[in-house]
């Protein structure tokens, strides 16, 4: 551990977790863990509740910032799945119980590819204003590095 780098505090770690794209995947993880025969309603209901909670937590913590692509996609997908489940026939309901996990995987793939197609990958949707400024040196470059405005990817700063 270097002397100029401080370890994040417990509050800092929680903040990093809450701002992480992985946290936005929580409804999808819940869906994949819970879904199965006889558990469709529970799976989509809990996943929708988690998705709504993520949106609320995100906007209580960062007032005035825009919605993340994954947050909106979560709420829309799971709300649609709840509505479909309410109006589905018994045969369609059995089919949903069997294949809802695969449907959610395909939907997540479509969201990921769609966000990349419009050049806004959902993993990079944290606004720059939420990211702390970072700088340092890289052993592989001739000069200092700073965080790029896109996804916080390091880029070399050329010396002139």
C-alpha atoms as a PDB file:
ATOM      1  CA  UNK A   1       0.000   0.000   0.000  1.00  0.00           C
ATOM      2  CA  UNK A   2       1.454   3.357  -0.992  1.00  0.00           C
ATOM      3  CA  UNK A   3       1.534   6.285   1.409  1.00  0.00           C
ATOM      4  CA  UNK A   4      -0.296   8.690  -0.914  1.00  0.00           C
ATOM      5  CA  UNK A   5      -3.328   6.431  -1.347  1.00  0.00           C
ATOM      6  CA  UNK A   6      -5.961   6.336   1.358  1.00  0.00           C
ATOM      7  CA  UNK A   7      -8.130   3.287   1.955  1.00  0.00           C
ATOM      8  CA  UNK A   8     -11.846   4.038   1.558  1.00  0.00           C
ATOM      9  CA  UNK A   9     -13.875   4.237   4.751  1.00  0.00           C
ATOM     10  CA  UNK A  10     -16.893   2.020   5.374  1.00  0.00           C
ATOM     11  CA  UNK A  11     -19.166   4.855   4.167  1.00  0.00           C
ATOM     12  CA  UNK A  12     -16.965   5.296   1.117  1.00  0.00           C
ATOM     13  CA  UNK A  13     -17.181   1.598   0.303  1.00  0.00           C
ATOM     14  CA  UNK A  14     -20.962   1.658   0.646  1.00  0.00           C
ATOM     15  CA  UNK A  15     -21.110   4.716  -1.579  1.00  0.00           C
ATOM     16  CA  UNK A  16     -18.899   2.997  -4.168  1.00  0.00           C
ATOM     17  CA  UNK A  17     -21.138  -0.084  -4.072  1.00  0.00           C
ATOM     18  CA  UNK A  18     -24.313   1.967  -4.471  1.00  0.00           C
ATOM     19  CA  UNK A  19     -22.833   3.816  -7.474  1.00  0.00           C
ATOM     20  CA  UNK A  20     -21.523   0.640  -9.082  1.00  0.00           C
ATOM     21  CA  UNK A  21     -23.148  -0.855 -12.207  1.00  0.00           C
ATOM     22  CA  UNK A  22     -23.106  -4.152 -10.301  1.00  0.00           C
ATOM     23  CA  UNK A  23     -25.641  -2.695  -7.864  1.00  0.00           C
ATOM     24  CA  UNK A  24     -27.915  -2.003 -10.847  1.00  0.00           C
ATOM     25  CA  UNK A  25     -27.764  -5.712 -11.686  1.00  0.00           C
ATOM     26  CA  UNK A  26     -29.348  -6.674  -8.344  1.00  0.00           C
ATOM     27  CA  UNK A  27     -32.908  -7.058  -9.752  1.00  0.00           C
ATOM     28  CA  UNK A  28     -31.600  -9.365 -12.473  1.00  0.00           C
ATOM     29  CA  UNK A  29     -29.683 -11.430  -9.933  1.00  0.00           C
ATOM     30  CA  UNK A  30     -32.781 -11.658  -7.740  1.00  0.00           C
ATOM     31  CA  UNK A  31     -34.838 -12.783 -10.740  1.00  0.00           C
ATOM     32  CA  UNK A  32     -32.381 -15.522 -11.668  1.00  0.00           C
ATOM     33  CA  UNK A  33     -32.164 -16.802  -8.081  1.00  0.00           C
ATOM     34  CA  UNK A  34     -35.890 -16.780  -7.297  1.00  0.00           C
ATOM     35  CA  UNK A  35     -37.621 -17.707 -10.581  1.00  0.00           C
ATOM     36  CA  UNK A  36     -38.843 -21.247 -11.106  1.00  0.00           C
ATOM     37  CA  UNK A  37     -42.033 -23.299 -11.185  1.00  0.00           C
ATOM     38  CA  UNK A  38     -44.588 -21.739  -8.850  1.00  0.00           C
ATOM     39  CA  UNK A  39     -42.401 -18.697  -8.101  1.00  0.00           C
ATOM     40  CA  UNK A  40     -42.906 -16.435 -11.122  1.00  0.00           C
ATOM     41  CA  UNK A  41     -44.990 -13.855  -9.224  1.00  0.00           C
ATOM     42  CA  UNK A  42     -42.480 -13.706  -6.373  1.00  0.00           C
ATOM     43  CA  UNK A  43     -39.524 -13.424  -8.727  1.00  0.00           C
ATOM     44  CA  UNK A  44     -40.869 -10.557 -10.836  1.00  0.00           C
ATOM     45  CA  UNK A  45     -42.487  -8.818  -7.853  1.00  0.00           C
ATOM     46  CA  UNK A  46     -39.308  -8.814  -5.774  1.00  0.00           C
ATOM     47  CA  UNK A  47     -37.195  -7.851  -8.793  1.00  0.00           C
ATOM     48  CA  UNK A  48     -39.527  -4.923  -9.566  1.00  0.00           C
ATOM     49  CA  UNK A  49     -39.441  -3.792  -5.923  1.00  0.00           C
ATOM     50  CA  UNK A  50     -35.626  -3.935  -5.901  1.00  0.00           C
ATOM     51  CA  UNK A  51     -35.473  -2.012  -9.212  1.00  0.00           C
ATOM     52  CA  UNK A  52     -37.761   0.736  -7.876  1.00  0.00           C
ATOM     53  CA  UNK A  53     -35.757   0.891  -4.632  1.00  0.00           C
ATOM     54  CA  UNK A  54     -32.534   1.329  -6.619  1.00  0.00           C
ATOM     55  CA  UNK A  55     -34.032   4.253  -8.545  1.00  0.00           C
ATOM     56  CA  UNK A  56     -35.280   5.889  -5.336  1.00  0.00           C
ATOM     57  CA  UNK A  57     -31.966   5.368  -3.494  1.00  0.00           C
ATOM     58  CA  UNK A  58     -30.008   6.715  -6.456  1.00  0.00           C
ATOM     59  CA  UNK A  59     -32.041   9.878  -6.654  1.00  0.00           C
ATOM     60  CA  UNK A  60     -32.137  10.482  -2.931  1.00  0.00           C
ATOM     61  CA  UNK A  61     -28.338  10.249  -2.879  1.00  0.00           C
ATOM     62  CA  UNK A  62     -27.726  12.291  -6.048  1.00  0.00           C
ATOM     63  CA  UNK A  63     -30.510  14.834  -6.445  1.00  0.00           C
ATOM     64  CA  UNK A  64     -30.668  16.538  -9.808  1.00  0.00           C
ATOM     65  CA  UNK A  65     -28.770  13.879 -11.740  1.00  0.00           C
ATOM     66  CA  UNK A  66     -30.189  11.989 -14.688  1.00  0.00           C
ATOM     67  CA  UNK A  67     -31.501   8.449 -14.573  1.00  0.00           C
ATOM     68  CA  UNK A  68     -29.139   5.616 -15.453  1.00  0.00           C
ATOM     69  CA  UNK A  69     -30.007   3.483 -18.484  1.00  0.00           C
ATOM     70  CA  UNK A  70     -29.941   0.299 -16.426  1.00  0.00           C
ATOM     71  CA  UNK A  71     -32.200   1.763 -13.711  1.00  0.00           C
ATOM     72  CA  UNK A  72     -34.919   2.664 -16.210  1.00  0.00           C
ATOM     73  CA  UNK A  73     -34.533  -0.618 -18.091  1.00  0.00           C
ATOM     74  CA  UNK A  74     -34.896  -2.567 -14.838  1.00  0.00           C
ATOM     75  CA  UNK A  75     -38.131  -0.860 -13.855  1.00  0.00           C
ATOM     76  CA  UNK A  76     -39.667  -1.059 -17.339  1.00  0.00           C
ATOM     77  CA  UNK A  77     -38.766  -4.727 -17.912  1.00  0.00           C
ATOM     78  CA  UNK A  78     -39.952  -5.991 -14.545  1.00  0.00           C
ATOM     79  CA  UNK A  79     -43.131  -3.853 -14.634  1.00  0.00           C
ATOM     80  CA  UNK A  80     -43.954  -5.361 -18.048  1.00  0.00           C
ATOM     81  CA  UNK A  81     -43.267  -8.851 -16.695  1.00  0.00           C
ATOM     82  CA  UNK A  82     -45.617  -8.196 -13.754  1.00  0.00           C
ATOM     83  CA  UNK A  83     -48.365  -6.960 -16.103  1.00  0.00           C
ATOM     84  CA  UNK A  84     -47.897  -9.945 -18.425  1.00  0.00           C
ATOM     85  CA  UNK A  85     -48.077 -12.279 -15.422  1.00  0.00           C
ATOM     86  CA  UNK A  86     -51.333 -10.703 -14.258  1.00  0.00           C
ATOM     87  CA  UNK A  87     -53.090 -11.145 -17.599  1.00  0.00           C
ATOM     88  CA  UNK A  88     -51.475 -14.412 -18.747  1.00  0.00           C
ATOM     89  CA  UNK A  89     -53.599 -17.503 -19.297  1.00  0.00           C
ATOM     90  CA  UNK A  90     -52.790 -20.563 -17.156  1.00  0.00           C
ATOM     91  CA  UNK A  91     -50.823 -22.114 -20.053  1.00  0.00           C
ATOM     92  CA  UNK A  92     -48.889 -18.907 -20.681  1.00  0.00           C
ATOM     93  CA  UNK A  93     -48.273 -18.602 -16.957  1.00  0.00           C
ATOM     94  CA  UNK A  94     -46.718 -22.090 -16.841  1.00  0.00           C
ATOM     95  CA  UNK A  95     -44.569 -21.150 -19.830  1.00  0.00           C
ATOM     96  CA  UNK A  96     -43.455 -17.952 -18.048  1.00  0.00           C
ATOM     97  CA  UNK A  97     -42.560 -19.929 -14.918  1.00  0.00           C
ATOM     98  CA  UNK A  98     -40.372 -22.176 -17.045  1.00  0.00           C
ATOM     99  CA  UNK A  99     -38.744 -19.590 -19.330  1.00  0.00           C
ATOM    100  CA  UNK A 100     -38.791 -16.272 -17.431  1.00  0.00           C
ATOM    101  CA  UNK A 101     -35.116 -16.686 -16.541  1.00  0.00           C
ATOM    102  CA  UNK A 102     -34.179 -17.044 -20.191  1.00  0.00           C
ATOM    103  CA  UNK A 103     -36.409 -14.108 -21.155  1.00  0.00           C
ATOM    104  CA  UNK A 104     -34.682 -11.907 -18.574  1.00  0.00           C
ATOM    105  CA  UNK A 105     -31.246 -12.993 -19.819  1.00  0.00           C
ATOM    106  CA  UNK A 106     -32.209 -12.116 -23.402  1.00  0.00           C
ATOM    107  CA  UNK A 107     -33.657  -8.781 -22.255  1.00  0.00           C
ATOM    108  CA  UNK A 108     -30.446  -7.939 -20.406  1.00  0.00           C
ATOM    109  CA  UNK A 109     -28.428  -8.815 -23.507  1.00  0.00           C
ATOM    110  CA  UNK A 110     -30.667  -6.561 -25.629  1.00  0.00           C
ATOM    111  CA  UNK A 111     -30.258  -3.726 -23.104  1.00  0.00           C
ATOM    112  CA  UNK A 112     -26.469  -4.147 -23.091  1.00  0.00           C
ATOM    113  CA  UNK A 113     -26.173  -4.310 -26.882  1.00  0.00           C
ATOM    114  CA  UNK A 114     -28.686  -1.489 -27.376  1.00  0.00           C
ATOM    115  CA  UNK A 115     -26.862   0.795 -24.966  1.00  0.00           C
ATOM    116  CA  UNK A 116     -23.584   0.060 -26.744  1.00  0.00           C
ATOM    117  CA  UNK A 117     -25.211   0.656 -30.151  1.00  0.00           C
ATOM    118  CA  UNK A 118     -26.189   4.183 -29.080  1.00  0.00           C
ATOM    119  CA  UNK A 119     -22.673   4.638 -27.664  1.00  0.00           C
ATOM    120  CA  UNK A 120     -23.869   4.893 -24.043  1.00  0.00           C
ATOM    121  CA  UNK A 121     -22.987   1.523 -22.421  1.00  0.00           C
ATOM    122  CA  UNK A 122     -25.075   1.093 -19.299  1.00  0.00           C
ATOM    123  CA  UNK A 123     -21.943   0.331 -17.304  1.00  0.00           C
ATOM    124  CA  UNK A 124     -20.716   3.866 -18.075  1.00  0.00           C
ATOM    125  CA  UNK A 125     -23.897   5.694 -17.145  1.00  0.00           C
ATOM    126  CA  UNK A 126     -22.568   7.150 -13.900  1.00  0.00           C
ATOM    127  CA  UNK A 127     -22.414  10.877 -14.558  1.00  0.00           C
ATOM    128  CA  UNK A 128     -18.943  12.391 -14.383  1.00  0.00           C
ATOM    129  CA  UNK A 129     -20.171  14.663 -11.587  1.00  0.00           C
ATOM    130  CA  UNK A 130     -20.568  11.568  -9.365  1.00  0.00           C
ATOM    131  CA  UNK A 131     -16.979  10.418 -10.011  1.00  0.00           C
ATOM    132  CA  UNK A 132     -14.149  11.725  -7.888  1.00  0.00           C
ATOM    133  CA  UNK A 133     -11.223  13.176  -9.811  1.00  0.00           C
ATOM    134  CA  UNK A 134      -8.317  10.761 -10.056  1.00  0.00           C
ATOM    135  CA  UNK A 135      -4.795  11.239 -11.191  1.00  0.00           C
ATOM    136  CA  UNK A 136      -1.492   9.517 -10.824  1.00  0.00           C
ATOM    137  CA  UNK A 137       1.354   8.097 -12.825  1.00  0.00           C
ATOM    138  CA  UNK A 138       1.563   4.988 -14.909  1.00  0.00           C
ATOM    139  CA  UNK A 139       4.687   2.872 -15.233  1.00  0.00           C
ATOM    140  CA  UNK A 140       3.743   2.307 -18.897  1.00  0.00           C
ATOM    141  CA  UNK A 141       3.493   5.935 -19.972  1.00  0.00           C
ATOM    142  CA  UNK A 142       5.850   8.854 -20.051  1.00  0.00           C
ATOM    143  CA  UNK A 143       3.641  11.157 -18.043  1.00  0.00           C
ATOM    144  CA  UNK A 144       0.812  11.483 -15.565  1.00  0.00           C
ATOM    145  CA  UNK A 145      -2.592   9.939 -16.164  1.00  0.00           C
ATOM    146  CA  UNK A 146      -6.011  11.352 -15.392  1.00  0.00           C
ATOM    147  CA  UNK A 147      -9.492   9.870 -15.451  1.00  0.00           C
ATOM    148  CA  UNK A 148     -11.150  10.042 -18.828  1.00  0.00           C
ATOM    149  CA  UNK A 149     -14.603  11.657 -18.969  1.00  0.00           C
ATOM    150  CA  UNK A 150     -15.887   8.394 -20.458  1.00  0.00           C
ATOM    151  CA  UNK A 151     -16.257   5.694 -17.798  1.00  0.00           C
ATOM    152  CA  UNK A 152     -13.275   6.924 -15.797  1.00  0.00           C
ATOM    153  CA  UNK A 153     -10.901   5.007 -18.062  1.00  0.00           C
ATOM    154  CA  UNK A 154      -7.330   6.187 -17.520  1.00  0.00           C
ATOM    155  CA  UNK A 155      -5.737   8.042 -20.394  1.00  0.00           C
ATOM    156  CA  UNK A 156      -2.241   9.327 -20.702  1.00  0.00           C
ATOM    157  CA  UNK A 157      -1.623  13.040 -20.641  1.00  0.00           C
ATOM    158  CA  UNK A 158       1.017  14.021 -23.143  1.00  0.00           C
ATOM    159  CA  UNK A 159       3.769  16.401 -22.107  1.00  0.00           C
ATOM    160  CA  UNK A 160       4.270  19.312 -24.400  1.00  0.00           C
END
